[in-house]
């Protein structure tokens, strides 16, 4: 439902954690010309509209076999669940996801007339995974019909009554291609964006990262485009009851569907800066209402023991000259959904 984006996947070198002090001001970051470019291709909802509307993420299935996940598309009727929101492509290297551009549908939208799946009836887009034992846990951004008065439609269109409701769902898989939905795990029925058109409700766009003894979800609240955080023990099954939200600086305790503490304008694309063990957050400026004067892709580094406080590099990693979504043009730059992935195994570590 979101378009006119250039999707950025940034590869980072894998390394062991040294746990030395990170001094952001001493960092030098080099951005080079892309090695691979997958251009926009027209498609249908059956193949996720060729994706490119979500955080790109990968799984190393075996030596020389990688699955990459891209997403777009949504369900507009109460028909059968063959309208795939998330598709998988395969590759033989982390950076060569072109061995088989099959765009196999792997996660379908939910049904709007089913109270258990309505939250994902407008789209179910895999943002990231975590493997525990032989099980892959998938964390998917969901949009759909709400069960309250918040966000009854699935529409970003023009007009004062159009809206969409965001949340997160959990899926499981043993092979990376066959996913079983486990239900909704993160929501905020209290959040509502400002303005009178293109109204957004809820919280979503969360990416997972293991840190310490927890799996963290770094999310985006619709209220002010700020970062919100939830975490669950790595030993849990990551169901609803496993999650607690950050409710104040340094304080956890909010339930999976409570109101959010807005941590700051850091973004919600999370990775581990391997040399130091810090959580990094990438943010792309694509909200015209709450944007800072950054005009580019921003990177921030965690600076406390529970990865909830961040230091931001003032200069953008990638500058943009056409940064205000949804008013981008075909002649300018608009970068969205940046992901920092390991060049070794495609993970966020």
C-alpha atoms as a PDB file:
ATOM      1  CA  UNK A   1       0.000   0.000   0.000  1.00  0.00           C
ATOM      2  CA  UNK A   2       3.047   2.213   0.218  1.00  0.00           C
ATOM      3  CA  UNK A   3       4.923   2.960  -2.982  1.00  0.00           C
ATOM      4  CA  UNK A   4       7.502   5.136  -4.717  1.00  0.00           C
ATOM      5  CA  UNK A   5      10.253   3.906  -2.412  1.00  0.00           C
ATOM      6  CA  UNK A   6      13.820   2.877  -2.989  1.00  0.00           C
ATOM      7  CA  UNK A   7      14.604   0.046  -0.590  1.00  0.00           C
ATOM      8  CA  UNK A   8      18.078  -0.003   0.935  1.00  0.00           C
ATOM      9  CA  UNK A   9      19.782  -3.124   2.297  1.00  0.00           C
ATOM     10  CA  UNK A  10      23.196  -2.347   3.792  1.00  0.00           C
ATOM     11  CA  UNK A  11      25.631  -5.224   4.311  1.00  0.00           C
ATOM     12  CA  UNK A  12      27.866  -5.194   7.384  1.00  0.00           C
ATOM     13  CA  UNK A  13      30.864  -7.377   8.115  1.00  0.00           C
ATOM     14  CA  UNK A  14      30.397 -10.092  10.705  1.00  0.00           C
ATOM     15  CA  UNK A  15      32.682 -10.036  13.764  1.00  0.00           C
ATOM     16  CA  UNK A  16      32.760 -11.078  17.383  1.00  0.00           C
ATOM     17  CA  UNK A  17      31.633  -8.733  20.120  1.00  0.00           C
ATOM     18  CA  UNK A  18      34.558  -6.953  21.792  1.00  0.00           C
ATOM     19  CA  UNK A  19      32.377  -4.925  24.209  1.00  0.00           C
ATOM     20  CA  UNK A  20      34.763  -1.973  23.973  1.00  0.00           C
ATOM     21  CA  UNK A  21      33.441   1.533  24.407  1.00  0.00           C
ATOM     22  CA  UNK A  22      31.877   2.859  21.272  1.00  0.00           C
ATOM     23  CA  UNK A  23      32.561   6.524  20.560  1.00  0.00           C
ATOM     24  CA  UNK A  24      30.199   7.490  17.727  1.00  0.00           C
ATOM     25  CA  UNK A  25      32.144  10.652  16.969  1.00  0.00           C
ATOM     26  CA  UNK A  26      35.162   8.545  16.013  1.00  0.00           C
ATOM     27  CA  UNK A  27      33.301   6.402  13.501  1.00  0.00           C
ATOM     28  CA  UNK A  28      33.913   6.607   9.779  1.00  0.00           C
ATOM     29  CA  UNK A  29      31.229   5.082   7.595  1.00  0.00           C
ATOM     30  CA  UNK A  30      31.743   4.601   3.868  1.00  0.00           C
ATOM     31  CA  UNK A  31      28.796   4.258   1.521  1.00  0.00           C
ATOM     32  CA  UNK A  32      29.572   2.798  -1.880  1.00  0.00           C
ATOM     33  CA  UNK A  33      27.693   2.180  -5.084  1.00  0.00           C
ATOM     34  CA  UNK A  34      25.226  -0.697  -4.840  1.00  0.00           C
ATOM     35  CA  UNK A  35      26.515  -4.112  -5.957  1.00  0.00           C
ATOM     36  CA  UNK A  36      23.031  -5.381  -6.793  1.00  0.00           C
ATOM     37  CA  UNK A  37      19.919  -3.501  -7.815  1.00  0.00           C
ATOM     38  CA  UNK A  38      16.524  -5.140  -8.192  1.00  0.00           C
ATOM     39  CA  UNK A  39      14.425  -2.613 -10.115  1.00  0.00           C
ATOM     40  CA  UNK A  40      10.684  -2.115  -9.692  1.00  0.00           C
ATOM     41  CA  UNK A  41       8.642  -4.597 -11.699  1.00  0.00           C
ATOM     42  CA  UNK A  42       4.899  -4.455 -12.101  1.00  0.00           C
ATOM     43  CA  UNK A  43       3.096  -7.390 -10.560  1.00  0.00           C
ATOM     44  CA  UNK A  44      -0.117  -8.554  -9.000  1.00  0.00           C
ATOM     45  CA  UNK A  45      -1.186  -9.105  -5.430  1.00  0.00           C
ATOM     46  CA  UNK A  46      -0.588 -12.831  -5.957  1.00  0.00           C
ATOM     47  CA  UNK A  47       3.183 -12.219  -6.026  1.00  0.00           C
ATOM     48  CA  UNK A  48       3.273  -9.420  -3.440  1.00  0.00           C
ATOM     49  CA  UNK A  49       3.340  -6.743  -6.128  1.00  0.00           C
ATOM     50  CA  UNK A  50       6.999  -7.706  -6.514  1.00  0.00           C
ATOM     51  CA  UNK A  51       7.617  -6.580  -2.955  1.00  0.00           C
ATOM     52  CA  UNK A  52      10.049  -3.748  -2.149  1.00  0.00           C
ATOM     53  CA  UNK A  53       7.762  -2.230   0.444  1.00  0.00           C
ATOM     54  CA  UNK A  54       9.214  -3.653   3.632  1.00  0.00           C
ATOM     55  CA  UNK A  55      12.454  -4.225   5.540  1.00  0.00           C
ATOM     56  CA  UNK A  56      14.440  -6.760   3.542  1.00  0.00           C
ATOM     57  CA  UNK A  57      15.545  -9.682   5.712  1.00  0.00           C
ATOM     58  CA  UNK A  58      17.251 -13.001   5.134  1.00  0.00           C
ATOM     59  CA  UNK A  59      17.681 -16.496   6.560  1.00  0.00           C
ATOM     60  CA  UNK A  60      20.664 -18.749   5.844  1.00  0.00           C
ATOM     61  CA  UNK A  61      18.908 -22.072   5.312  1.00  0.00           C
ATOM     62  CA  UNK A  62      22.063 -24.069   4.591  1.00  0.00           C
ATOM     63  CA  UNK A  63      25.514 -23.535   3.134  1.00  0.00           C
ATOM     64  CA  UNK A  64      25.024 -21.680  -0.144  1.00  0.00           C
ATOM     65  CA  UNK A  65      21.256 -21.309   0.260  1.00  0.00           C
ATOM     66  CA  UNK A  66      19.633 -18.101   1.481  1.00  0.00           C
ATOM     67  CA  UNK A  67      16.015 -17.025   1.599  1.00  0.00           C
ATOM     68  CA  UNK A  68      15.280 -13.332   1.329  1.00  0.00           C
ATOM     69  CA  UNK A  69      11.892 -11.879   2.191  1.00  0.00           C
ATOM     70  CA  UNK A  70      10.175  -8.974   0.523  1.00  0.00           C
ATOM     71  CA  UNK A  71       6.609  -7.789   0.889  1.00  0.00           C
ATOM     72  CA  UNK A  72       3.780  -5.689  -0.464  1.00  0.00           C
ATOM     73  CA  UNK A  73       0.147  -6.210  -1.346  1.00  0.00           C
ATOM     74  CA  UNK A  74      -2.952  -6.530   0.774  1.00  0.00           C
ATOM     75  CA  UNK A  75      -6.336  -8.179   0.848  1.00  0.00           C
ATOM     76  CA  UNK A  76      -9.357  -6.163  -0.225  1.00  0.00           C
ATOM     77  CA  UNK A  77     -12.066  -8.808   0.126  1.00  0.00           C
ATOM     78  CA  UNK A  78     -13.097 -11.592   2.476  1.00  0.00           C
ATOM     79  CA  UNK A  79     -12.128 -14.190  -0.098  1.00  0.00           C
ATOM     80  CA  UNK A  80      -9.708 -17.070   0.220  1.00  0.00           C
ATOM     81  CA  UNK A  81      -6.280 -16.436   1.736  1.00  0.00           C
ATOM     82  CA  UNK A  82      -4.295 -16.711  -1.493  1.00  0.00           C
ATOM     83  CA  UNK A  83      -3.403 -13.032  -1.553  1.00  0.00           C
ATOM     84  CA  UNK A  84       0.215 -13.254  -0.447  1.00  0.00           C
ATOM     85  CA  UNK A  85       1.646 -10.286   1.417  1.00  0.00           C
ATOM     86  CA  UNK A  86       5.166 -11.721   1.917  1.00  0.00           C
ATOM     87  CA  UNK A  87       7.188 -13.504  -0.739  1.00  0.00           C
ATOM     88  CA  UNK A  88      10.511 -15.356  -0.627  1.00  0.00           C
ATOM     89  CA  UNK A  89      13.326 -15.227  -3.123  1.00  0.00           C
ATOM     90  CA  UNK A  90      16.407 -17.429  -3.062  1.00  0.00           C
ATOM     91  CA  UNK A  91      20.099 -16.817  -3.548  1.00  0.00           C
ATOM     92  CA  UNK A  92      23.451 -18.507  -3.198  1.00  0.00           C
ATOM     93  CA  UNK A  93      25.082 -15.629  -1.327  1.00  0.00           C
ATOM     94  CA  UNK A  94      23.865 -12.959   1.080  1.00  0.00           C
ATOM     95  CA  UNK A  95      24.327 -10.271  -1.549  1.00  0.00           C
ATOM     96  CA  UNK A  96      23.225 -12.341  -4.557  1.00  0.00           C
ATOM     97  CA  UNK A  97      19.521 -12.809  -4.146  1.00  0.00           C
ATOM     98  CA  UNK A  98      19.060 -13.414  -7.833  1.00  0.00           C
ATOM     99  CA  UNK A  99      19.731 -17.117  -8.235  1.00  0.00           C
ATOM    100  CA  UNK A 100      16.001 -17.659  -8.396  1.00  0.00           C
ATOM    101  CA  UNK A 101      13.727 -14.617  -8.443  1.00  0.00           C
ATOM    102  CA  UNK A 102      10.726 -16.839  -7.911  1.00  0.00           C
ATOM    103  CA  UNK A 103       8.792 -14.506  -5.586  1.00  0.00           C
ATOM    104  CA  UNK A 104       7.129 -17.487  -3.954  1.00  0.00           C
ATOM    105  CA  UNK A 105       4.234 -16.433  -1.742  1.00  0.00           C
ATOM    106  CA  UNK A 106       4.908 -17.594   1.801  1.00  0.00           C
ATOM    107  CA  UNK A 107       2.636 -15.510   4.089  1.00  0.00           C
ATOM    108  CA  UNK A 108      -0.929 -14.632   3.174  1.00  0.00           C
ATOM    109  CA  UNK A 109      -3.118 -11.848   4.464  1.00  0.00           C
ATOM    110  CA  UNK A 110      -5.702 -12.727   7.101  1.00  0.00           C
ATOM    111  CA  UNK A 111      -9.429 -12.844   6.623  1.00  0.00           C
ATOM    112  CA  UNK A 112     -11.364  -9.720   7.558  1.00  0.00           C
ATOM    113  CA  UNK A 113     -14.412 -11.711   8.676  1.00  0.00           C
ATOM    114  CA  UNK A 114     -12.398 -13.833  11.126  1.00  0.00           C
ATOM    115  CA  UNK A 115     -11.833 -12.184  14.506  1.00  0.00           C
ATOM    116  CA  UNK A 116      -8.540 -14.053  14.927  1.00  0.00           C
ATOM    117  CA  UNK A 117      -7.035 -12.907  11.637  1.00  0.00           C
ATOM    118  CA  UNK A 118      -8.745  -9.570  10.909  1.00  0.00           C
ATOM    119  CA  UNK A 119      -5.752  -7.678  12.317  1.00  0.00           C
ATOM    120  CA  UNK A 120      -3.703  -8.864   9.300  1.00  0.00           C
ATOM    121  CA  UNK A 121      -6.415  -8.682   6.633  1.00  0.00           C
ATOM    122  CA  UNK A 122      -4.858  -5.655   4.922  1.00  0.00           C
ATOM    123  CA  UNK A 123      -1.352  -7.125   4.789  1.00  0.00           C
ATOM    124  CA  UNK A 124       1.066  -9.399   6.650  1.00  0.00           C
ATOM    125  CA  UNK A 125       4.668  -8.438   5.978  1.00  0.00           C
ATOM    126  CA  UNK A 126       7.578 -10.350   7.517  1.00  0.00           C
ATOM    127  CA  UNK A 127       9.985  -7.852   9.119  1.00  0.00           C
ATOM    128  CA  UNK A 128      12.487 -10.279  10.616  1.00  0.00           C
ATOM    129  CA  UNK A 129      13.102 -13.688  12.170  1.00  0.00           C
ATOM    130  CA  UNK A 130      14.758 -15.345  15.145  1.00  0.00           C
ATOM    131  CA  UNK A 131      15.736 -19.026  15.262  1.00  0.00           C
ATOM    132  CA  UNK A 132      15.477 -21.026  18.478  1.00  0.00           C
ATOM    133  CA  UNK A 133      16.270 -24.718  18.202  1.00  0.00           C
ATOM    134  CA  UNK A 134      14.764 -25.945  14.941  1.00  0.00           C
ATOM    135  CA  UNK A 135      12.032 -23.292  14.871  1.00  0.00           C
ATOM    136  CA  UNK A 136      12.109 -20.004  13.003  1.00  0.00           C
ATOM    137  CA  UNK A 137      10.009 -17.344  14.711  1.00  0.00           C
ATOM    138  CA  UNK A 138       8.747 -14.742  12.258  1.00  0.00           C
ATOM    139  CA  UNK A 139       7.716 -11.228  13.283  1.00  0.00           C
ATOM    140  CA  UNK A 140       5.382  -9.684  10.762  1.00  0.00           C
ATOM    141  CA  UNK A 141       3.958  -6.188  10.444  1.00  0.00           C
ATOM    142  CA  UNK A 142       0.187  -6.458  10.128  1.00  0.00           C
ATOM    143  CA  UNK A 143      -2.461  -4.044   8.976  1.00  0.00           C
ATOM    144  CA  UNK A 144      -6.139  -4.718   9.073  1.00  0.00           C
ATOM    145  CA  UNK A 145      -9.608  -4.175  10.349  1.00  0.00           C
ATOM    146  CA  UNK A 146      -9.660  -3.419  14.040  1.00  0.00           C
ATOM    147  CA  UNK A 147     -12.129  -4.915  16.514  1.00  0.00           C
ATOM    148  CA  UNK A 148     -12.893  -1.451  17.946  1.00  0.00           C
ATOM    149  CA  UNK A 149     -13.728   1.882  16.414  1.00  0.00           C
ATOM    150  CA  UNK A 150     -10.045   2.450  15.630  1.00  0.00           C
ATOM    151  CA  UNK A 151      -9.217   2.059  11.956  1.00  0.00           C
ATOM    152  CA  UNK A 152     -12.152   0.283  10.351  1.00  0.00           C
ATOM    153  CA  UNK A 153     -10.713   0.364   6.832  1.00  0.00           C
ATOM    154  CA  UNK A 154      -7.585  -0.707   4.935  1.00  0.00           C
ATOM    155  CA  UNK A 155      -6.962   2.403   2.925  1.00  0.00           C
ATOM    156  CA  UNK A 156      -4.257   5.046   2.630  1.00  0.00           C
ATOM    157  CA  UNK A 157      -6.342   6.958   0.106  1.00  0.00           C
ATOM    158  CA  UNK A 158      -7.435  10.552   0.211  1.00  0.00           C
ATOM    159  CA  UNK A 159     -10.203  11.801   2.446  1.00  0.00           C
ATOM    160  CA  UNK A 160     -10.914  12.285   6.123  1.00  0.00           C
ATOM    161  CA  UNK A 161     -12.323   8.805   6.741  1.00  0.00           C
ATOM    162  CA  UNK A 162      -9.546   6.652   5.297  1.00  0.00           C
ATOM    163  CA  UNK A 163      -7.292   4.883   7.745  1.00  0.00           C
ATOM    164  CA  UNK A 164      -5.256   1.806   8.527  1.00  0.00           C
ATOM    165  CA  UNK A 165      -4.522  -0.019  11.783  1.00  0.00           C
ATOM    166  CA  UNK A 166      -0.996  -1.340  12.431  1.00  0.00           C
ATOM    167  CA  UNK A 167       0.172  -4.104  14.761  1.00  0.00           C
ATOM    168  CA  UNK A 168       2.527  -7.104  14.865  1.00  0.00           C
ATOM    169  CA  UNK A 169       1.893 -10.817  14.515  1.00  0.00           C
ATOM    170  CA  UNK A 170       3.908 -13.965  15.214  1.00  0.00           C
ATOM    171  CA  UNK A 171       4.468 -16.875  12.843  1.00  0.00           C
ATOM    172  CA  UNK A 172       6.526 -20.058  13.076  1.00  0.00           C
ATOM    173  CA  UNK A 173       8.275 -22.211  10.502  1.00  0.00           C
ATOM    174  CA  UNK A 174      10.706 -25.105  10.318  1.00  0.00           C
ATOM    175  CA  UNK A 175      11.879 -24.525   6.757  1.00  0.00           C
ATOM    176  CA  UNK A 176      11.533 -20.773   6.076  1.00  0.00           C
ATOM    177  CA  UNK A 177       8.862 -21.224   3.405  1.00  0.00           C
ATOM    178  CA  UNK A 178       5.900 -22.719   5.195  1.00  0.00           C
ATOM    179  CA  UNK A 179       4.729 -20.384   7.948  1.00  0.00           C
ATOM    180  CA  UNK A 180       2.003 -20.924  10.534  1.00  0.00           C
ATOM    181  CA  UNK A 181       0.321 -17.855  12.013  1.00  0.00           C
ATOM    182  CA  UNK A 182       0.295 -17.791  15.832  1.00  0.00           C
ATOM    183  CA  UNK A 183      -1.679 -14.586  16.364  1.00  0.00           C
ATOM    184  CA  UNK A 184      -1.245 -10.934  17.248  1.00  0.00           C
ATOM    185  CA  UNK A 185       1.543 -10.068  19.715  1.00  0.00           C
ATOM    186  CA  UNK A 186       2.016  -6.267  19.673  1.00  0.00           C
ATOM    187  CA  UNK A 187      -0.693  -3.607  19.423  1.00  0.00           C
ATOM    188  CA  UNK A 188      -1.562  -0.124  20.624  1.00  0.00           C
ATOM    189  CA  UNK A 189      -5.235   0.794  20.223  1.00  0.00           C
ATOM    190  CA  UNK A 190      -4.532   4.206  21.775  1.00  0.00           C
ATOM    191  CA  UNK A 191      -2.164   5.486  19.086  1.00  0.00           C
ATOM    192  CA  UNK A 192      -3.498   7.702  16.314  1.00  0.00           C
ATOM    193  CA  UNK A 193      -1.613   9.891  13.880  1.00  0.00           C
ATOM    194  CA  UNK A 194      -2.466  13.557  13.463  1.00  0.00           C
ATOM    195  CA  UNK A 195      -4.059  15.190  10.458  1.00  0.00           C
ATOM    196  CA  UNK A 196      -7.372  14.618   8.743  1.00  0.00           C
ATOM    197  CA  UNK A 197      -6.300  12.277   5.937  1.00  0.00           C
ATOM    198  CA  UNK A 198      -4.154   9.158   5.608  1.00  0.00           C
ATOM    199  CA  UNK A 199      -4.882   8.418   9.268  1.00  0.00           C
ATOM    200  CA  UNK A 200      -2.853   5.677  10.909  1.00  0.00           C
ATOM    201  CA  UNK A 201      -3.685   3.876  14.127  1.00  0.00           C
ATOM    202  CA  UNK A 202      -1.650   1.532  16.274  1.00  0.00           C
ATOM    203  CA  UNK A 203       1.970   0.524  16.323  1.00  0.00           C
ATOM    204  CA  UNK A 204       4.022  -1.715  14.054  1.00  0.00           C
ATOM    205  CA  UNK A 205       6.932  -1.946  11.604  1.00  0.00           C
ATOM    206  CA  UNK A 206       8.889  -3.726  14.358  1.00  0.00           C
ATOM    207  CA  UNK A 207      12.199  -5.486  13.735  1.00  0.00           C
ATOM    208  CA  UNK A 208      13.570  -8.184  16.095  1.00  0.00           C
ATOM    209  CA  UNK A 209      17.066  -8.380  17.572  1.00  0.00           C
ATOM    210  CA  UNK A 210      18.458 -10.560  20.404  1.00  0.00           C
ATOM    211  CA  UNK A 211      20.190  -8.522  23.100  1.00  0.00           C
ATOM    212  CA  UNK A 212      21.312 -10.028  26.404  1.00  0.00           C
ATOM    213  CA  UNK A 213      18.690 -12.539  27.539  1.00  0.00           C
ATOM    214  CA  UNK A 214      15.820 -10.913  25.626  1.00  0.00           C
ATOM    215  CA  UNK A 215      14.515 -10.608  22.127  1.00  0.00           C
ATOM    216  CA  UNK A 216      13.756  -6.945  21.489  1.00  0.00           C
ATOM    217  CA  UNK A 217      11.245  -5.491  19.068  1.00  0.00           C
ATOM    218  CA  UNK A 218      11.976  -1.941  17.971  1.00  0.00           C
ATOM    219  CA  UNK A 219       8.751  -0.480  16.636  1.00  0.00           C
ATOM    220  CA  UNK A 220       7.172   2.666  15.239  1.00  0.00           C
ATOM    221  CA  UNK A 221       4.258   4.355  16.951  1.00  0.00           C
ATOM    222  CA  UNK A 222       1.852   6.093  14.605  1.00  0.00           C
ATOM    223  CA  UNK A 223       1.354   9.033  16.974  1.00  0.00           C
ATOM    224  CA  UNK A 224       4.609  10.850  16.302  1.00  0.00           C
ATOM    225  CA  UNK A 225       6.756   8.485  14.206  1.00  0.00           C
ATOM    226  CA  UNK A 226       8.878   7.776  17.281  1.00  0.00           C
ATOM    227  CA  UNK A 227      10.603   4.581  18.403  1.00  0.00           C
ATOM    228  CA  UNK A 228       8.813   2.264  20.808  1.00  0.00           C
ATOM    229  CA  UNK A 229      10.304  -0.887  22.341  1.00  0.00           C
ATOM    230  CA  UNK A 230       9.054  -4.246  23.595  1.00  0.00           C
ATOM    231  CA  UNK A 231      10.989  -7.307  24.725  1.00  0.00           C
ATOM    232  CA  UNK A 232      10.412 -10.963  25.593  1.00  0.00           C
ATOM    233  CA  UNK A 233      12.730 -13.546  27.204  1.00  0.00           C
ATOM    234  CA  UNK A 234      14.719 -15.604  24.688  1.00  0.00           C
ATOM    235  CA  UNK A 235      13.464 -18.696  26.509  1.00  0.00           C
ATOM    236  CA  UNK A 236       9.804 -17.830  25.865  1.00  0.00           C
ATOM    237  CA  UNK A 237       7.530 -18.787  22.971  1.00  0.00           C
ATOM    238  CA  UNK A 238       7.122 -15.087  22.070  1.00  0.00           C
ATOM    239  CA  UNK A 239       3.342 -15.209  22.453  1.00  0.00           C
ATOM    240  CA  UNK A 240       1.269 -12.266  23.721  1.00  0.00           C
ATOM    241  CA  UNK A 241       1.952 -12.899  27.411  1.00  0.00           C
ATOM    242  CA  UNK A 242       5.727 -12.967  26.844  1.00  0.00           C
ATOM    243  CA  UNK A 243       6.035  -9.306  25.886  1.00  0.00           C
ATOM    244  CA  UNK A 244       6.561  -6.244  28.036  1.00  0.00           C
ATOM    245  CA  UNK A 245       6.757  -2.731  26.684  1.00  0.00           C
ATOM    246  CA  UNK A 246       9.063   0.053  27.770  1.00  0.00           C
ATOM    247  CA  UNK A 247       6.803   2.383  29.789  1.00  0.00           C
ATOM    248  CA  UNK A 248       9.370   4.975  30.894  1.00  0.00           C
ATOM    249  CA  UNK A 249      13.122   5.492  30.623  1.00  0.00           C
ATOM    250  CA  UNK A 250      14.651   2.359  32.122  1.00  0.00           C
ATOM    251  CA  UNK A 251      11.281   0.898  33.196  1.00  0.00           C
ATOM    252  CA  UNK A 252       9.488  -2.097  31.707  1.00  0.00           C
ATOM    253  CA  UNK A 253       5.995  -3.271  32.502  1.00  0.00           C
ATOM    254  CA  UNK A 254       3.490  -2.406  29.784  1.00  0.00           C
ATOM    255  CA  UNK A 255       1.454  -5.273  28.379  1.00  0.00           C
ATOM    256  CA  UNK A 256       1.543  -6.304  24.723  1.00  0.00           C
ATOM    257  CA  UNK A 257      -1.381  -4.006  23.856  1.00  0.00           C
ATOM    258  CA  UNK A 258      -0.728  -1.081  26.203  1.00  0.00           C
ATOM    259  CA  UNK A 259      -0.023   2.509  25.231  1.00  0.00           C
ATOM    260  CA  UNK A 260       3.564   3.214  24.222  1.00  0.00           C
ATOM    261  CA  UNK A 261       6.380   5.190  25.741  1.00  0.00           C
ATOM    262  CA  UNK A 262       7.955   7.029  22.832  1.00  0.00           C
ATOM    263  CA  UNK A 263      11.678   6.585  23.264  1.00  0.00           C
ATOM    264  CA  UNK A 264      12.870   9.096  20.671  1.00  0.00           C
ATOM    265  CA  UNK A 265      13.268   9.676  16.941  1.00  0.00           C
ATOM    266  CA  UNK A 266      15.711   6.836  16.277  1.00  0.00           C
ATOM    267  CA  UNK A 267      13.975   4.591  13.776  1.00  0.00           C
ATOM    268  CA  UNK A 268      13.040   0.955  14.108  1.00  0.00           C
ATOM    269  CA  UNK A 269      15.327  -1.021  11.795  1.00  0.00           C
ATOM    270  CA  UNK A 270      17.523  -2.778  14.357  1.00  0.00           C
ATOM    271  CA  UNK A 271      20.855  -4.588  14.043  1.00  0.00           C
ATOM    272  CA  UNK A 272      23.855  -5.370  16.231  1.00  0.00           C
ATOM    273  CA  UNK A 273      27.056  -3.421  15.622  1.00  0.00           C
ATOM    274  CA  UNK A 274      29.136  -6.560  16.002  1.00  0.00           C
ATOM    275  CA  UNK A 275      32.506  -5.061  16.907  1.00  0.00           C
ATOM    276  CA  UNK A 276      31.074  -3.452  20.027  1.00  0.00           C
ATOM    277  CA  UNK A 277      27.815  -5.251  20.741  1.00  0.00           C
ATOM    278  CA  UNK A 278      25.649  -2.127  20.505  1.00  0.00           C
ATOM    279  CA  UNK A 279      22.177  -2.123  19.035  1.00  0.00           C
ATOM    280  CA  UNK A 280      22.009   0.150  16.014  1.00  0.00           C
ATOM    281  CA  UNK A 281      18.822   1.704  14.674  1.00  0.00           C
ATOM    282  CA  UNK A 282      18.400   2.999  11.147  1.00  0.00           C
ATOM    283  CA  UNK A 283      15.807   5.599  10.319  1.00  0.00           C
ATOM    284  CA  UNK A 284      14.717   6.906   6.954  1.00  0.00           C
ATOM    285  CA  UNK A 285      12.973  10.235   6.837  1.00  0.00           C
ATOM    286  CA  UNK A 286       9.734   9.645   5.045  1.00  0.00           C
ATOM    287  CA  UNK A 287       7.109  11.310   7.181  1.00  0.00           C
ATOM    288  CA  UNK A 288       6.409  14.871   6.163  1.00  0.00           C
ATOM    289  CA  UNK A 289       4.551  15.661   9.380  1.00  0.00           C
ATOM    290  CA  UNK A 290       7.141  14.604  11.963  1.00  0.00           C
ATOM    291  CA  UNK A 291      10.409  14.760  10.002  1.00  0.00           C
ATOM    292  CA  UNK A 292      13.529  16.404  11.346  1.00  0.00           C
ATOM    293  CA  UNK A 293      15.839  18.431   9.087  1.00  0.00           C
ATOM    294  CA  UNK A 294      17.973  15.316   8.591  1.00  0.00           C
ATOM    295  CA  UNK A 295      16.939  14.646   4.969  1.00  0.00           C
ATOM    296  CA  UNK A 296      18.573  11.243   4.740  1.00  0.00           C
ATOM    297  CA  UNK A 297      19.188   7.872   6.384  1.00  0.00           C
ATOM    298  CA  UNK A 298      20.072   8.267  10.067  1.00  0.00           C
ATOM    299  CA  UNK A 299      21.971   5.828  12.317  1.00  0.00           C
ATOM    300  CA  UNK A 300      21.863   5.666  16.129  1.00  0.00           C
ATOM    301  CA  UNK A 301      23.746   3.481  18.628  1.00  0.00           C
ATOM    302  CA  UNK A 302      22.567   2.208  22.008  1.00  0.00           C
ATOM    303  CA  UNK A 303      24.544   3.566  24.950  1.00  0.00           C
ATOM    304  CA  UNK A 304      23.061   1.820  27.999  1.00  0.00           C
ATOM    305  CA  UNK A 305      22.809  -1.712  29.371  1.00  0.00           C
ATOM    306  CA  UNK A 306      19.242  -2.433  28.261  1.00  0.00           C
ATOM    307  CA  UNK A 307      19.495  -0.891  24.783  1.00  0.00           C
ATOM    308  CA  UNK A 308      16.844   1.771  25.330  1.00  0.00           C
ATOM    309  CA  UNK A 309      18.955   4.959  25.173  1.00  0.00           C
ATOM    310  CA  UNK A 310      20.658   5.992  21.948  1.00  0.00           C
ATOM    311  CA  UNK A 311      23.258   8.357  20.543  1.00  0.00           C
ATOM    312  CA  UNK A 312      22.553   9.588  17.020  1.00  0.00           C
ATOM    313  CA  UNK A 313      25.170  10.407  14.381  1.00  0.00           C
ATOM    314  CA  UNK A 314      24.249  13.946  13.263  1.00  0.00           C
ATOM    315  CA  UNK A 315      25.185  13.462   9.607  1.00  0.00           C
ATOM    316  CA  UNK A 316      23.020  11.249   7.384  1.00  0.00           C
ATOM    317  CA  UNK A 317      24.516   8.022   6.032  1.00  0.00           C
ATOM    318  CA  UNK A 318      22.775   8.647   2.727  1.00  0.00           C
ATOM    319  CA  UNK A 319      21.441  12.127   1.901  1.00  0.00           C
ATOM    320  CA  UNK A 320      18.118  12.469   0.099  1.00  0.00           C
ATOM    321  CA  UNK A 321      16.813  15.314  -2.002  1.00  0.00           C
ATOM    322  CA  UNK A 322      13.168  14.213  -2.213  1.00  0.00           C
ATOM    323  CA  UNK A 323      12.364  13.035   1.261  1.00  0.00           C
ATOM    324  CA  UNK A 324       8.761  13.843   2.038  1.00  0.00           C
ATOM    325  CA  UNK A 325       6.482  10.842   1.659  1.00  0.00           C
ATOM    326  CA  UNK A 326       3.999  10.591   0.009  1.00  0.00           C
ATOM    327  CA  UNK A 327       4.992  13.453  -2.266  1.00  0.00           C
ATOM    328  CA  UNK A 328       8.132  11.931  -3.765  1.00  0.00           C
ATOM    329  CA  UNK A 329       8.738  12.290  -7.487  1.00  0.00           C
ATOM    330  CA  UNK A 330      10.390  10.121 -10.115  1.00  0.00           C
ATOM    331  CA  UNK A 331      13.310  12.535 -10.380  1.00  0.00           C
ATOM    332  CA  UNK A 332      14.401  12.675  -6.734  1.00  0.00           C
ATOM    333  CA  UNK A 333      15.706  10.354  -4.043  1.00  0.00           C
ATOM    334  CA  UNK A 334      13.529   8.782  -1.400  1.00  0.00           C
ATOM    335  CA  UNK A 335      15.077   5.941   0.583  1.00  0.00           C
ATOM    336  CA  UNK A 336      12.872   3.869   2.864  1.00  0.00           C
ATOM    337  CA  UNK A 337      13.047   0.691   4.941  1.00  0.00           C
ATOM    338  CA  UNK A 338      16.852   0.516   5.260  1.00  0.00           C
ATOM    339  CA  UNK A 339      18.217  -2.756   6.680  1.00  0.00           C
ATOM    340  CA  UNK A 340      21.722  -3.503   7.984  1.00  0.00           C
ATOM    341  CA  UNK A 341      22.485  -7.185   7.406  1.00  0.00           C
ATOM    342  CA  UNK A 342      25.534  -9.337   8.028  1.00  0.00           C
ATOM    343  CA  UNK A 343      27.573  -9.955   4.883  1.00  0.00           C
ATOM    344  CA  UNK A 344      28.286 -13.459   6.176  1.00  0.00           C
ATOM    345  CA  UNK A 345      24.936 -15.002   7.055  1.00  0.00           C
ATOM    346  CA  UNK A 346      22.353 -12.292   6.295  1.00  0.00           C
ATOM    347  CA  UNK A 347      21.296 -11.888   9.921  1.00  0.00           C
ATOM    348  CA  UNK A 348      20.957  -8.606  11.772  1.00  0.00           C
ATOM    349  CA  UNK A 349      23.935  -9.520  13.975  1.00  0.00           C
END
